[in-house]
Amino acid sequence: MLKSVPTRKAFLTDASHRIRFVYLPKHTSWLNQVEIWFSVRTRRVLKRGDFRSKAELRNRLLEFIASFSRTMAKPCKWTYAGRPLNV
């Protein structure tokens, strides 16, 4: 079914499909920022953590998020200055 470019294009542009594929260059991915956030949270809260219950884990995570937002969070400054994307 998806063996040629025309059949792939027809499949991917069909509006009746529930899944839509969007291709982005790696340097534009907001997922990089999400991965950085999870890395910080893992290193500062979860790594070597000792939690006696799910409620304690949840409270520690919420405390960290509040503290991070007050003290360390700042707007992201995008710095990519490469060629314009030709779509």
N, C-alpha and C. Protein backbone atom coordinates (compact mmCIF):
# COMPACT_ATOMS: atom_id res chain seq x y z
N MET A 1 0.81 -1.19 0.00
CA MET A 1 0.00 0.00 0.00
C MET A 1 0.86 1.26 0.00
N LEU A 2 1.93 1.32 0.82
CA LEU A 2 2.75 2.54 0.93
C LEU A 2 4.11 2.36 0.26
N LYS A 3 4.12 1.70 -0.88
CA LYS A 3 5.40 1.37 -1.51
C LYS A 3 5.93 2.46 -2.44
N SER A 4 5.11 3.41 -2.82
CA SER A 4 5.59 4.47 -3.71
C SER A 4 5.27 5.83 -3.08
N VAL A 5 5.93 6.84 -3.59
CA VAL A 5 5.72 8.20 -3.08
C VAL A 5 4.26 8.64 -3.25
N PRO A 6 3.64 8.40 -4.39
CA PRO A 6 2.24 8.83 -4.53
C PRO A 6 1.29 8.14 -3.54
N THR A 7 1.49 6.84 -3.29
CA THR A 7 0.61 6.16 -2.34
C THR A 7 0.86 6.64 -0.91
N ARG A 8 2.11 6.92 -0.57
CA ARG A 8 2.41 7.47 0.75
C ARG A 8 1.77 8.84 0.92
N LYS A 9 1.91 9.67 -0.11
CA LYS A 9 1.36 11.02 -0.04
C LYS A 9 -0.17 10.97 0.10
N ALA A 10 -0.81 10.08 -0.65
CA ALA A 10 -2.26 9.95 -0.56
C ALA A 10 -2.66 9.48 0.84
N PHE A 11 -1.93 8.53 1.39
CA PHE A 11 -2.23 8.04 2.73
C PHE A 11 -2.06 9.12 3.79
N LEU A 12 -0.96 9.85 3.73
CA LEU A 12 -0.66 10.85 4.75
C LEU A 12 -1.55 12.08 4.66
N THR A 13 -2.11 12.36 3.50
CA THR A 13 -2.96 13.55 3.34
C THR A 13 -4.45 13.23 3.46
N ASP A 14 -4.79 11.97 3.68
CA ASP A 14 -6.19 11.58 3.82
C ASP A 14 -6.73 12.11 5.16
N ALA A 15 -7.72 12.98 5.11
CA ALA A 15 -8.26 13.63 6.31
C ALA A 15 -9.02 12.68 7.22
N SER A 16 -9.39 11.51 6.71
CA SER A 16 -10.15 10.58 7.55
C SER A 16 -9.29 9.80 8.54
N HIS A 17 -7.97 9.87 8.40
CA HIS A 17 -7.09 9.17 9.33
C HIS A 17 -7.03 9.92 10.66
N ARG A 18 -6.98 9.16 11.75
CA ARG A 18 -6.93 9.77 13.08
C ARG A 18 -5.52 10.23 13.43
N ILE A 19 -4.51 9.66 12.81
CA ILE A 19 -3.12 10.01 13.10
C ILE A 19 -2.60 10.90 11.99
N ARG A 20 -1.90 11.94 12.38
CA ARG A 20 -1.32 12.85 11.40
C ARG A 20 0.17 12.94 11.66
N PHE A 21 0.98 12.72 10.65
CA PHE A 21 2.42 12.80 10.77
C PHE A 21 2.89 14.20 10.39
N VAL A 22 3.70 14.78 11.25
CA VAL A 22 4.26 16.09 10.98
C VAL A 22 5.77 15.96 11.15
N TYR A 23 6.50 16.31 10.13
CA TYR A 23 7.95 16.18 10.17
C TYR A 23 8.59 17.53 10.49
N LEU A 24 9.42 17.54 11.51
CA LEU A 24 10.12 18.76 11.93
C LEU A 24 11.62 18.50 11.96
N PRO A 25 12.41 19.49 11.61
CA PRO A 25 13.85 19.34 11.78
C PRO A 25 14.18 19.18 13.27
N LYS A 26 15.20 18.42 13.59
CA LYS A 26 15.54 18.15 14.98
C LYS A 26 15.82 19.42 15.77
N HIS A 27 16.43 20.42 15.15
CA HIS A 27 16.79 21.62 15.91
C HIS A 27 15.58 22.47 16.28
N THR A 28 14.42 22.20 15.71
CA THR A 28 13.24 23.00 16.04
C THR A 28 12.32 22.32 17.03
N SER A 29 12.71 21.18 17.50
CA SER A 29 11.82 20.39 18.33
C SER A 29 11.68 20.95 19.73
N TRP A 30 10.44 21.20 20.16
CA TRP A 30 10.18 21.62 21.54
C TRP A 30 10.40 20.46 22.49
N LEU A 31 10.47 19.24 21.94
CA LEU A 31 10.71 18.08 22.80
C LEU A 31 12.07 18.17 23.48
N ASN A 32 13.02 18.84 22.86
CA ASN A 32 14.32 19.02 23.51
C ASN A 32 14.16 19.72 24.85
N GLN A 33 13.29 20.73 24.90
CA GLN A 33 13.06 21.46 26.15
C GLN A 33 12.37 20.57 27.17
N VAL A 34 11.45 19.74 26.72
CA VAL A 34 10.75 18.82 27.63
C VAL A 34 11.74 17.81 28.19
N GLU A 35 12.62 17.28 27.34
CA GLU A 35 13.62 16.32 27.80
C GLU A 35 14.56 16.95 28.83
N ILE A 36 14.94 18.20 28.63
CA ILE A 36 15.79 18.89 29.59
C ILE A 36 15.07 19.02 30.93
N TRP A 37 13.79 19.38 30.89
CA TRP A 37 13.01 19.52 32.13
C TRP A 37 12.94 18.20 32.88
N PHE A 38 12.65 17.11 32.18
CA PHE A 38 12.57 15.81 32.85
C PHE A 38 13.93 15.39 33.39
N SER A 39 15.00 15.74 32.71
CA SER A 39 16.34 15.42 33.19
C SER A 39 16.65 16.15 34.49
N VAL A 40 16.32 17.44 34.54
CA VAL A 40 16.54 18.22 35.77
C VAL A 40 15.72 17.65 36.91
N ARG A 41 14.47 17.38 36.65
CA ARG A 41 13.59 16.84 37.68
C ARG A 41 14.08 15.47 38.17
N THR A 42 14.53 14.65 37.28
CA THR A 42 15.03 13.32 37.67
C THR A 42 16.27 13.44 38.54
N ARG A 43 17.21 14.30 38.13
CA ARG A 43 18.45 14.44 38.91
C ARG A 43 18.23 15.06 40.28
N ARG A 44 17.29 16.00 40.38
CA ARG A 44 17.13 16.72 41.64
C ARG A 44 16.11 16.12 42.59
N VAL A 45 15.17 15.33 42.08
CA VAL A 45 14.13 14.79 42.95
C VAL A 45 14.15 13.26 43.00
N LEU A 46 14.18 12.63 41.86
CA LEU A 46 13.97 11.19 41.82
C LEU A 46 15.22 10.35 42.08
N LYS A 47 16.35 10.81 41.56
CA LYS A 47 17.57 10.02 41.70
C LYS A 47 17.95 9.89 43.18
N ARG A 48 18.14 8.68 43.60
CA ARG A 48 18.47 8.34 45.00
C ARG A 48 17.38 8.78 45.98
N GLY A 49 16.17 9.00 45.49
CA GLY A 49 15.08 9.39 46.36
C GLY A 49 14.52 8.20 47.12
N ASP A 50 14.05 8.46 48.30
CA ASP A 50 13.44 7.43 49.13
C ASP A 50 12.03 7.90 49.47
N PHE A 51 11.04 7.29 48.85
CA PHE A 51 9.65 7.71 49.02
C PHE A 51 8.87 6.56 49.64
N ARG A 52 8.18 6.85 50.69
CA ARG A 52 7.44 5.80 51.42
C ARG A 52 6.04 5.57 50.86
N SER A 53 5.56 6.50 50.04
CA SER A 53 4.22 6.34 49.46
C SER A 53 4.14 7.17 48.17
N LYS A 54 3.12 6.90 47.40
CA LYS A 54 2.88 7.69 46.19
C LYS A 54 2.56 9.13 46.55
N ALA A 55 1.85 9.31 47.66
CA ALA A 55 1.50 10.67 48.10
C ALA A 55 2.75 11.47 48.43
N GLU A 56 3.73 10.83 49.08
CA GLU A 56 4.98 11.53 49.41
C GLU A 56 5.74 11.89 48.13
N LEU A 57 5.79 10.96 47.19
CA LEU A 57 6.44 11.25 45.91
C LEU A 57 5.76 12.41 45.20
N ARG A 58 4.44 12.38 45.17
CA ARG A 58 3.67 13.45 44.52
C ARG A 58 3.96 14.80 45.19
N ASN A 59 3.96 14.83 46.52
CA ASN A 59 4.21 16.08 47.24
C ASN A 59 5.61 16.60 46.97
N ARG A 60 6.60 15.72 46.95
CA ARG A 60 7.98 16.15 46.67
C ARG A 60 8.10 16.72 45.27
N LEU A 61 7.43 16.08 44.30
CA LEU A 61 7.48 16.59 42.93
C LEU A 61 6.80 17.95 42.83
N LEU A 62 5.65 18.11 43.46
CA LEU A 62 4.95 19.40 43.42
C LEU A 62 5.75 20.50 44.13
N GLU A 63 6.40 20.16 45.23
CA GLU A 63 7.26 21.13 45.92
C GLU A 63 8.43 21.55 45.02
N PHE A 64 9.02 20.59 44.33
CA PHE A 64 10.13 20.91 43.43
C PHE A 64 9.66 21.82 42.30
N ILE A 65 8.52 21.51 41.72
CA ILE A 65 8.00 22.32 40.62
C ILE A 65 7.76 23.75 41.08
N ALA A 66 7.15 23.91 42.24
CA ALA A 66 6.90 25.26 42.78
C ALA A 66 8.21 26.00 43.04
N SER A 67 9.17 25.32 43.64
CA SER A 67 10.47 25.92 43.93
C SER A 67 11.20 26.29 42.64
N PHE A 68 11.19 25.39 41.68
CA PHE A 68 11.85 25.64 40.40
C PHE A 68 11.23 26.84 39.70
N SER A 69 9.91 26.91 39.72
CA SER A 69 9.21 28.03 39.07
C SER A 69 9.54 29.37 39.72
N ARG A 70 9.70 29.37 41.04
CA ARG A 70 10.01 30.62 41.75
C ARG A 70 11.46 31.05 41.54
N THR A 71 12.40 30.11 41.52
CA THR A 71 13.81 30.46 41.61
C THR A 71 14.62 30.28 40.33
N MET A 72 14.32 29.28 39.52
CA MET A 72 15.21 28.96 38.40
C MET A 72 14.58 29.09 37.02
N ALA A 73 13.28 29.07 36.92
CA ALA A 73 12.63 29.09 35.61
C ALA A 73 12.82 30.44 34.93
N LYS A 74 13.07 30.40 33.64
CA LYS A 74 13.18 31.62 32.85
C LYS A 74 12.74 31.32 31.43
N PRO A 75 12.31 32.32 30.70
CA PRO A 75 11.86 32.07 29.33
C PRO A 75 13.00 31.53 28.47
N CYS A 76 12.63 30.67 27.56
CA CYS A 76 13.61 30.10 26.64
C CYS A 76 13.92 31.12 25.54
N LYS A 77 15.19 31.28 25.23
CA LYS A 77 15.59 32.19 24.16
C LYS A 77 16.08 31.34 22.99
N TRP A 78 15.28 31.28 21.93
CA TRP A 78 15.64 30.48 20.77
C TRP A 78 16.77 31.18 20.03
N THR A 79 17.81 30.44 19.69
CA THR A 79 18.99 31.05 19.10
C THR A 79 19.34 30.49 17.72
N TYR A 80 18.52 29.65 17.15
CA TYR A 80 18.85 29.08 15.86
C TYR A 80 18.86 30.16 14.79
N ALA A 81 19.93 30.26 14.06
CA ALA A 81 20.05 31.29 13.03
C ALA A 81 20.44 30.67 11.70
N GLY A 82 19.97 29.48 11.45
CA GLY A 82 20.30 28.78 10.21
C GLY A 82 19.48 29.24 9.03
N ARG A 83 19.51 28.44 8.00
CA ARG A 83 18.75 28.77 6.79
C ARG A 83 17.25 28.65 7.05
N PRO A 84 16.46 29.44 6.35
CA PRO A 84 15.00 29.32 6.48
C PRO A 84 14.55 27.94 5.99
N LEU A 85 13.51 27.42 6.60
CA LEU A 85 12.96 26.13 6.23
C LEU A 85 12.13 26.29 4.96
N ASN A 86 12.42 25.50 3.95
CA ASN A 86 11.65 25.53 2.71
C ASN A 86 10.60 24.43 2.75
N VAL A 87 9.36 24.82 2.82
CA VAL A 87 8.27 23.84 2.91
C VAL A 87 7.51 23.81 1.62
